[in-house]
Amino acid sequence: MYKVFYNDRTVFFIDNFEKYFDNNEGLFYKYKDRVQLSYLLELFSSVKGFKNLYIFHEDIDFCFTEFCTLFTVIEAAGGLVKAPDNKILVINRRGFWDLPKGKLELQEKPERGAMREVEEECGLQNLRLSSLIETTFHTYTIEDKNILKKTYWYEMLHDGNQIPVPQLQEDITEAKWINKSNLSDVTKNTYLSIIEVLKKGKVI
């Protein structure tokens, strides 16, 4: 299954119609072709009554590849940084809580890009890369161009003794360590993709 976040809603790509239809609510669609899919996505974006869209096809890899052709795909990487005192690193960017991440440079490996972005956006050093937590997809629009961002998320370890410094030129107004038990304010004002990473990273 593939999952794509549309702001506060989600598009799922599935290959078992009965399994998801019986257990979930939303709009269900059997993939036919890219033209019809494009119209459907426009409808889904404009009609707020549906929280979830399930796109069914026997070959979900093929179907998801067709979906990707409707977007400009950008690859990015970021980190869920953990400290020994039960704290994690969060940032506030454009009024929303987030995790440090950014676009990969040309031919840059995701692991290296994730480390670089955390270092640049929060001024941290001495990071230790752990494992890949999750790969998320989310969409947005820039100058009428539809973007699909694929982000590789890695767990990272830090001793937590360094005070984070927000990269203001990237619209980051705050970077701080926060205890896992105090994450409710973060989860109330963040993105579904970030909540997904926090869950997969066993933080919430």
C-alpha atoms as a PDB file:
ATOM      1  CA  MET A   1       0.000   0.000   0.000  1.00  0.00           C
ATOM      2  CA  TYR A   2       1.056   3.560  -0.752  1.00  0.00           C
ATOM      3  CA  LYS A   3      -0.148   6.549   1.247  1.00  0.00           C
ATOM      4  CA  VAL A   4      -0.055  10.197   0.117  1.00  0.00           C
ATOM      5  CA  PHE A   5      -0.919  13.093   2.412  1.00  0.00           C
ATOM      6  CA  TYR A   6      -3.052  15.917   1.029  1.00  0.00           C
ATOM      7  CA  ASN A   7      -2.750  18.414   3.900  1.00  0.00           C
ATOM      8  CA  ASP A   8      -5.197  17.014   6.475  1.00  0.00           C
ATOM      9  CA  ARG A   9      -6.474  14.238   4.198  1.00  0.00           C
ATOM     10  CA  THR A  10      -5.022  11.065   2.741  1.00  0.00           C
ATOM     11  CA  VAL A  11      -4.949   9.158  -0.559  1.00  0.00           C
ATOM     12  CA  PHE A  12      -4.371   5.395  -0.300  1.00  0.00           C
ATOM     13  CA  PHE A  13      -3.354   3.074  -3.133  1.00  0.00           C
ATOM     14  CA  ILE A  14      -4.716  -0.409  -2.478  1.00  0.00           C
ATOM     15  CA  ASP A  15      -4.916  -3.796  -4.215  1.00  0.00           C
ATOM     16  CA  ASN A  16      -7.599  -5.381  -2.014  1.00  0.00           C
ATOM     17  CA  PHE A  17     -10.918  -3.567  -2.405  1.00  0.00           C
ATOM     18  CA  GLU A  18     -12.994  -5.669   0.001  1.00  0.00           C
ATOM     19  CA  LYS A  19     -10.486  -5.428   2.851  1.00  0.00           C
ATOM     20  CA  TYR A  20     -10.440  -1.627   2.890  1.00  0.00           C
ATOM     21  CA  PHE A  21     -14.059  -1.051   1.877  1.00  0.00           C
ATOM     22  CA  ASP A  22     -15.387  -3.063   4.824  1.00  0.00           C
ATOM     23  CA  ASN A  23     -13.196  -1.339   7.427  1.00  0.00           C
ATOM     24  CA  ASN A  24     -12.858   2.265   6.248  1.00  0.00           C
ATOM     25  CA  GLU A  25     -14.886   5.285   5.227  1.00  0.00           C
ATOM     26  CA  GLY A  26     -14.099   7.505   2.266  1.00  0.00           C
ATOM     27  CA  LEU A  27     -14.257   7.739  -1.510  1.00  0.00           C
ATOM     28  CA  PHE A  28     -13.353   4.538  -3.375  1.00  0.00           C
ATOM     29  CA  TYR A  29     -12.243   4.537  -7.002  1.00  0.00           C
ATOM     30  CA  LYS A  30     -11.074   1.810  -9.371  1.00  0.00           C
ATOM     31  CA  TYR A  31      -8.218   3.131 -11.473  1.00  0.00           C
ATOM     32  CA  LYS A  32      -8.977   3.432 -15.190  1.00  0.00           C
ATOM     33  CA  ASP A  33      -6.520   5.879 -16.721  1.00  0.00           C
ATOM     34  CA  ARG A  34      -4.482   8.985 -15.924  1.00  0.00           C
ATOM     35  CA  VAL A  35      -7.002  11.427 -17.394  1.00  0.00           C
ATOM     36  CA  GLN A  36      -9.821  10.191 -15.198  1.00  0.00           C
ATOM     37  CA  LEU A  37      -7.462  10.034 -12.211  1.00  0.00           C
ATOM     38  CA  SER A  38      -6.477  13.663 -12.745  1.00  0.00           C
ATOM     39  CA  TYR A  39     -10.146  14.728 -12.714  1.00  0.00           C
ATOM     40  CA  LEU A  40     -10.759  12.670  -9.602  1.00  0.00           C
ATOM     41  CA  LEU A  41      -7.851  14.292  -7.744  1.00  0.00           C
ATOM     42  CA  GLU A  42      -9.153  17.747  -8.646  1.00  0.00           C
ATOM     43  CA  LEU A  43     -12.540  16.747  -7.249  1.00  0.00           C
ATOM     44  CA  PHE A  44     -10.972  15.330  -4.100  1.00  0.00           C
ATOM     45  CA  SER A  45      -8.979  18.520  -3.573  1.00  0.00           C
ATOM     46  CA  SER A  46     -11.995  20.792  -3.946  1.00  0.00           C
ATOM     47  CA  VAL A  47     -14.669  18.790  -2.106  1.00  0.00           C
ATOM     48  CA  LYS A  48     -13.873  18.720   1.610  1.00  0.00           C
ATOM     49  CA  GLY A  49     -16.491  16.136   2.559  1.00  0.00           C
ATOM     50  CA  PHE A  50     -14.173  13.194   1.925  1.00  0.00           C
ATOM     51  CA  LYS A  51     -11.286  12.722   4.344  1.00  0.00           C
ATOM     52  CA  ASN A  52      -9.844   9.674   2.617  1.00  0.00           C
ATOM     53  CA  LEU A  53      -9.573   8.561  -1.007  1.00  0.00           C
ATOM     54  CA  TYR A  54      -8.877   4.902  -1.811  1.00  0.00           C
ATOM     55  CA  ILE A  55      -7.584   4.152  -5.312  1.00  0.00           C
ATOM     56  CA  PHE A  56      -7.856   0.491  -6.216  1.00  0.00           C
ATOM     57  CA  HIS A  57      -5.813  -1.430  -8.797  1.00  0.00           C
ATOM     58  CA  GLU A  58      -4.475  -4.984  -8.911  1.00  0.00           C
ATOM     59  CA  ASP A  59      -0.974  -3.611  -9.567  1.00  0.00           C
ATOM     60  CA  ILE A  60      -0.503  -0.778  -7.069  1.00  0.00           C
ATOM     61  CA  ASP A  61       3.107  -0.152  -8.155  1.00  0.00           C
ATOM     62  CA  PHE A  62       1.908   0.579 -11.681  1.00  0.00           C
ATOM     63  CA  CYS A  63      -0.997   2.679 -10.401  1.00  0.00           C
ATOM     64  CA  PHE A  64       1.218   4.733  -8.088  1.00  0.00           C
ATOM     65  CA  THR A  65       3.718   5.307 -10.904  1.00  0.00           C
ATOM     66  CA  GLU A  66       0.883   6.629 -13.067  1.00  0.00           C
ATOM     67  CA  PHE A  67      -0.172   8.905 -10.199  1.00  0.00           C
ATOM     68  CA  CYS A  68       3.381  10.270  -9.888  1.00  0.00           C
ATOM     69  CA  THR A  69       3.387  11.373 -13.546  1.00  0.00           C
ATOM     70  CA  LEU A  70       0.764  13.989 -12.632  1.00  0.00           C
ATOM     71  CA  PHE A  71       3.263  15.765 -10.360  1.00  0.00           C
ATOM     72  CA  THR A  72       6.740  17.171 -10.250  1.00  0.00           C
ATOM     73  CA  VAL A  73       8.448  14.747  -7.862  1.00  0.00           C
ATOM     74  CA  ILE A  74      10.958  16.153  -5.370  1.00  0.00           C
ATOM     75  CA  GLU A  75      13.037  13.969  -3.073  1.00  0.00           C
ATOM     76  CA  ALA A  76      13.899  15.126   0.425  1.00  0.00           C
ATOM     77  CA  ALA A  77      15.265  13.715   3.665  1.00  0.00           C
ATOM     78  CA  GLY A  78      14.989  14.536   7.332  1.00  0.00           C
ATOM     79  CA  GLY A  79      15.518  13.294  10.837  1.00  0.00           C
ATOM     80  CA  LEU A  80      13.732  12.328  14.001  1.00  0.00           C
ATOM     81  CA  VAL A  81      16.488  13.270  16.438  1.00  0.00           C
ATOM     82  CA  LYS A  82      16.403  11.636  19.866  1.00  0.00           C
ATOM     83  CA  ALA A  83      18.354  12.542  23.006  1.00  0.00           C
ATOM     84  CA  PRO A  84      19.068  10.212  25.964  1.00  0.00           C
ATOM     85  CA  ASP A  85      16.857  12.235  28.353  1.00  0.00           C
ATOM     86  CA  ASN A  86      13.639  11.199  26.562  1.00  0.00           C
ATOM     87  CA  LYS A  87      13.558  14.331  24.405  1.00  0.00           C
ATOM     88  CA  ILE A  88      13.270  14.834  20.657  1.00  0.00           C
ATOM     89  CA  LEU A  89      14.140  17.739  18.387  1.00  0.00           C
ATOM     90  CA  VAL A  90      11.313  19.790  16.857  1.00  0.00           C
ATOM     91  CA  ILE A  91      11.179  22.979  14.804  1.00  0.00           C
ATOM     92  CA  ASN A  92       8.519  25.564  14.097  1.00  0.00           C
ATOM     93  CA  ARG A  93       8.324  26.539  10.436  1.00  0.00           C
ATOM     94  CA  ARG A  94       5.716  28.979   9.117  1.00  0.00           C
ATOM     95  CA  GLY A  95       3.554  28.536  12.195  1.00  0.00           C
ATOM     96  CA  PHE A  96       3.505  24.711  12.229  1.00  0.00           C
ATOM     97  CA  TRP A  97       5.538  22.267  14.257  1.00  0.00           C
ATOM     98  CA  ASP A  98       7.740  20.118  12.084  1.00  0.00           C
ATOM     99  CA  LEU A  99      10.844  17.950  11.996  1.00  0.00           C
ATOM    100  CA  PRO A 100      14.006  19.152  10.229  1.00  0.00           C
ATOM    101  CA  LYS A 101      14.120  18.099   6.595  1.00  0.00           C
ATOM    102  CA  GLY A 102      14.942  19.453   3.150  1.00  0.00           C
ATOM    103  CA  LYS A 103      15.473  18.685  -0.520  1.00  0.00           C
ATOM    104  CA  LEU A 104      18.286  16.402  -1.571  1.00  0.00           C
ATOM    105  CA  GLU A 105      21.099  17.907  -3.548  1.00  0.00           C
ATOM    106  CA  LEU A 106      22.063  16.509  -6.962  1.00  0.00           C
ATOM    107  CA  GLN A 107      23.152  12.852  -6.607  1.00  0.00           C
ATOM    108  CA  GLU A 108      23.090  13.159  -2.807  1.00  0.00           C
ATOM    109  CA  LYS A 109      22.302   9.996  -0.851  1.00  0.00           C
ATOM    110  CA  PRO A 110      19.238  10.270   1.429  1.00  0.00           C
ATOM    111  CA  GLU A 111      21.279   9.363   4.514  1.00  0.00           C
ATOM    112  CA  ARG A 112      23.747  12.175   3.907  1.00  0.00           C
ATOM    113  CA  GLY A 113      20.998  14.625   2.961  1.00  0.00           C
ATOM    114  CA  ALA A 114      19.107  13.917   6.164  1.00  0.00           C
ATOM    115  CA  MET A 115      22.194  14.557   8.301  1.00  0.00           C
ATOM    116  CA  ARG A 116      23.053  17.722   6.378  1.00  0.00           C
ATOM    117  CA  GLU A 117      19.558  19.160   6.697  1.00  0.00           C
ATOM    118  CA  VAL A 118      19.417  18.606  10.464  1.00  0.00           C
ATOM    119  CA  GLU A 119      22.842  20.189  10.838  1.00  0.00           C
ATOM    120  CA  GLU A 120      21.897  23.189   8.703  1.00  0.00           C
ATOM    121  CA  GLU A 121      18.374  23.797  10.016  1.00  0.00           C
ATOM    122  CA  CYS A 122      19.178  23.352  13.704  1.00  0.00           C
ATOM    123  CA  GLY A 123      22.924  23.972  13.959  1.00  0.00           C
ATOM    124  CA  LEU A 124      23.569  20.590  15.570  1.00  0.00           C
ATOM    125  CA  GLN A 125      26.809  18.657  15.390  1.00  0.00           C
ATOM    126  CA  ASN A 126      27.871  15.176  16.494  1.00  0.00           C
ATOM    127  CA  LEU A 127      24.770  13.465  15.153  1.00  0.00           C
ATOM    128  CA  ARG A 128      24.711   9.688  14.850  1.00  0.00           C
ATOM    129  CA  LEU A 129      22.615   8.166  12.114  1.00  0.00           C
ATOM    130  CA  SER A 130      20.497   5.193  13.129  1.00  0.00           C
ATOM    131  CA  SER A 131      17.956   3.598  10.772  1.00  0.00           C
ATOM    132  CA  LEU A 132      15.342   4.541   8.188  1.00  0.00           C
ATOM    133  CA  ILE A 133      12.013   5.043   9.968  1.00  0.00           C
ATOM    134  CA  GLU A 134       9.627   5.743   7.116  1.00  0.00           C
ATOM    135  CA  THR A 135       9.282   7.208   3.638  1.00  0.00           C
ATOM    136  CA  THR A 136       6.389   9.651   3.346  1.00  0.00           C
ATOM    137  CA  PHE A 137       4.681  11.310   0.389  1.00  0.00           C
ATOM    138  CA  HIS A 138       2.816  14.600   0.544  1.00  0.00           C
ATOM    139  CA  THR A 139       1.540  17.090  -2.020  1.00  0.00           C
ATOM    140  CA  TYR A 140       1.493  20.854  -2.286  1.00  0.00           C
ATOM    141  CA  THR A 141       1.290  23.529  -4.965  1.00  0.00           C
ATOM    142  CA  ILE A 142       3.842  26.190  -5.898  1.00  0.00           C
ATOM    143  CA  GLU A 143       2.942  28.745  -8.584  1.00  0.00           C
ATOM    144  CA  ASP A 144       0.223  26.429  -9.968  1.00  0.00           C
ATOM    145  CA  LYS A 145       2.683  23.551 -10.163  1.00  0.00           C
ATOM    146  CA  ASN A 146       1.633  20.335  -8.405  1.00  0.00           C
ATOM    147  CA  ILE A 147       4.453  18.916  -6.300  1.00  0.00           C
ATOM    148  CA  LEU A 148       4.773  15.438  -4.840  1.00  0.00           C
ATOM    149  CA  LYS A 149       7.471  15.337  -2.186  1.00  0.00           C
ATOM    150  CA  LYS A 150       9.022  11.999  -1.253  1.00  0.00           C
ATOM    151  CA  THR A 151      10.785  12.281   2.099  1.00  0.00           C
ATOM    152  CA  TYR A 152      13.121   9.738   3.667  1.00  0.00           C
ATOM    153  CA  TRP A 153      12.997   9.924   7.468  1.00  0.00           C
ATOM    154  CA  TYR A 154      15.880   8.640   9.592  1.00  0.00           C
ATOM    155  CA  GLU A 155      16.236   8.152  13.303  1.00  0.00           C
ATOM    156  CA  MET A 156      19.234  10.077  14.633  1.00  0.00           C
ATOM    157  CA  LEU A 157      20.864  10.145  18.039  1.00  0.00           C
ATOM    158  CA  HIS A 158      22.379  13.133  19.845  1.00  0.00           C
ATOM    159  CA  ASP A 159      23.630  13.665  23.375  1.00  0.00           C
ATOM    160  CA  GLY A 160      21.151  16.549  23.733  1.00  0.00           C
ATOM    161  CA  ASN A 161      23.648  18.923  25.324  1.00  0.00           C
ATOM    162  CA  GLN A 162      23.770  21.327  22.372  1.00  0.00           C
ATOM    163  CA  ILE A 163      21.152  24.088  22.151  1.00  0.00           C
ATOM    164  CA  PRO A 164      19.526  24.053  18.682  1.00  0.00           C
ATOM    165  CA  VAL A 165      19.795  27.216  16.584  1.00  0.00           C
ATOM    166  CA  PRO A 166      16.950  27.735  14.051  1.00  0.00           C
ATOM    167  CA  GLN A 167      17.913  28.506  10.445  1.00  0.00           C
ATOM    168  CA  LEU A 168      15.933  31.734  10.038  1.00  0.00           C
ATOM    169  CA  GLN A 169      16.487  31.967   6.279  1.00  0.00           C
ATOM    170  CA  GLU A 170      14.497  28.745   5.937  1.00  0.00           C
ATOM    171  CA  ASP A 171      11.548  30.317   7.803  1.00  0.00           C
ATOM    172  CA  ILE A 172      12.327  28.342  10.955  1.00  0.00           C
ATOM    173  CA  THR A 173      11.479  30.518  13.948  1.00  0.00           C
ATOM    174  CA  GLU A 174      12.142  27.986  16.700  1.00  0.00           C
ATOM    175  CA  ALA A 175      14.148  24.820  17.228  1.00  0.00           C
ATOM    176  CA  LYS A 176      14.104  23.051  20.565  1.00  0.00           C
ATOM    177  CA  TRP A 177      14.286  19.826  22.513  1.00  0.00           C
ATOM    178  CA  ILE A 178      10.936  18.680  23.866  1.00  0.00           C
ATOM    179  CA  ASN A 179      10.068  15.831  26.188  1.00  0.00           C
ATOM    180  CA  LYS A 180       8.069  13.021  24.615  1.00  0.00           C
ATOM    181  CA  SER A 181       5.432  13.411  27.329  1.00  0.00           C
ATOM    182  CA  ASN A 182       4.810  17.030  26.249  1.00  0.00           C
ATOM    183  CA  LEU A 183       4.205  16.425  22.552  1.00  0.00           C
ATOM    184  CA  SER A 184       0.467  17.162  22.609  1.00  0.00           C
ATOM    185  CA  ASP A 185       1.007  20.810  21.635  1.00  0.00           C
ATOM    186  CA  VAL A 186       3.119  19.634  18.711  1.00  0.00           C
ATOM    187  CA  THR A 187       0.663  17.019  17.462  1.00  0.00           C
ATOM    188  CA  LYS A 188      -2.216  19.509  17.625  1.00  0.00           C
ATOM    189  CA  ASN A 189      -0.436  21.833  15.191  1.00  0.00           C
ATOM    190  CA  THR A 190       1.532  19.736  12.747  1.00  0.00           C
ATOM    191  CA  TYR A 191       1.092  17.732   9.543  1.00  0.00           C
ATOM    192  CA  LEU A 192      -0.300  14.226   9.135  1.00  0.00           C
ATOM    193  CA  SER A 193       3.015  13.129   7.644  1.00  0.00           C
ATOM    194  CA  ILE A 194       4.859  14.254  10.780  1.00  0.00           C
ATOM    195  CA  ILE A 195       2.424  12.397  13.018  1.00  0.00           C
ATOM    196  CA  GLU A 196       3.073   9.323  10.869  1.00  0.00           C
ATOM    197  CA  VAL A 197       6.837   9.656  11.447  1.00  0.00           C
ATOM    198  CA  LEU A 198       6.369  10.172  15.196  1.00  0.00           C
ATOM    199  CA  LYS A 199       4.250   7.024  15.373  1.00  0.00           C
ATOM    200  CA  LYS A 200       6.634   4.922  13.285  1.00  0.00           C
ATOM    201  CA  GLY A 201       9.525   6.280  15.358  1.00  0.00           C
ATOM    202  CA  LYS A 202       7.722   5.098  18.533  1.00  0.00           C
ATOM    203  CA  VAL A 203       7.586   8.592  19.982  1.00  0.00           C
ATOM    204  CA  ILE A 204       3.779   8.774  20.231  1.00  0.00           C
END
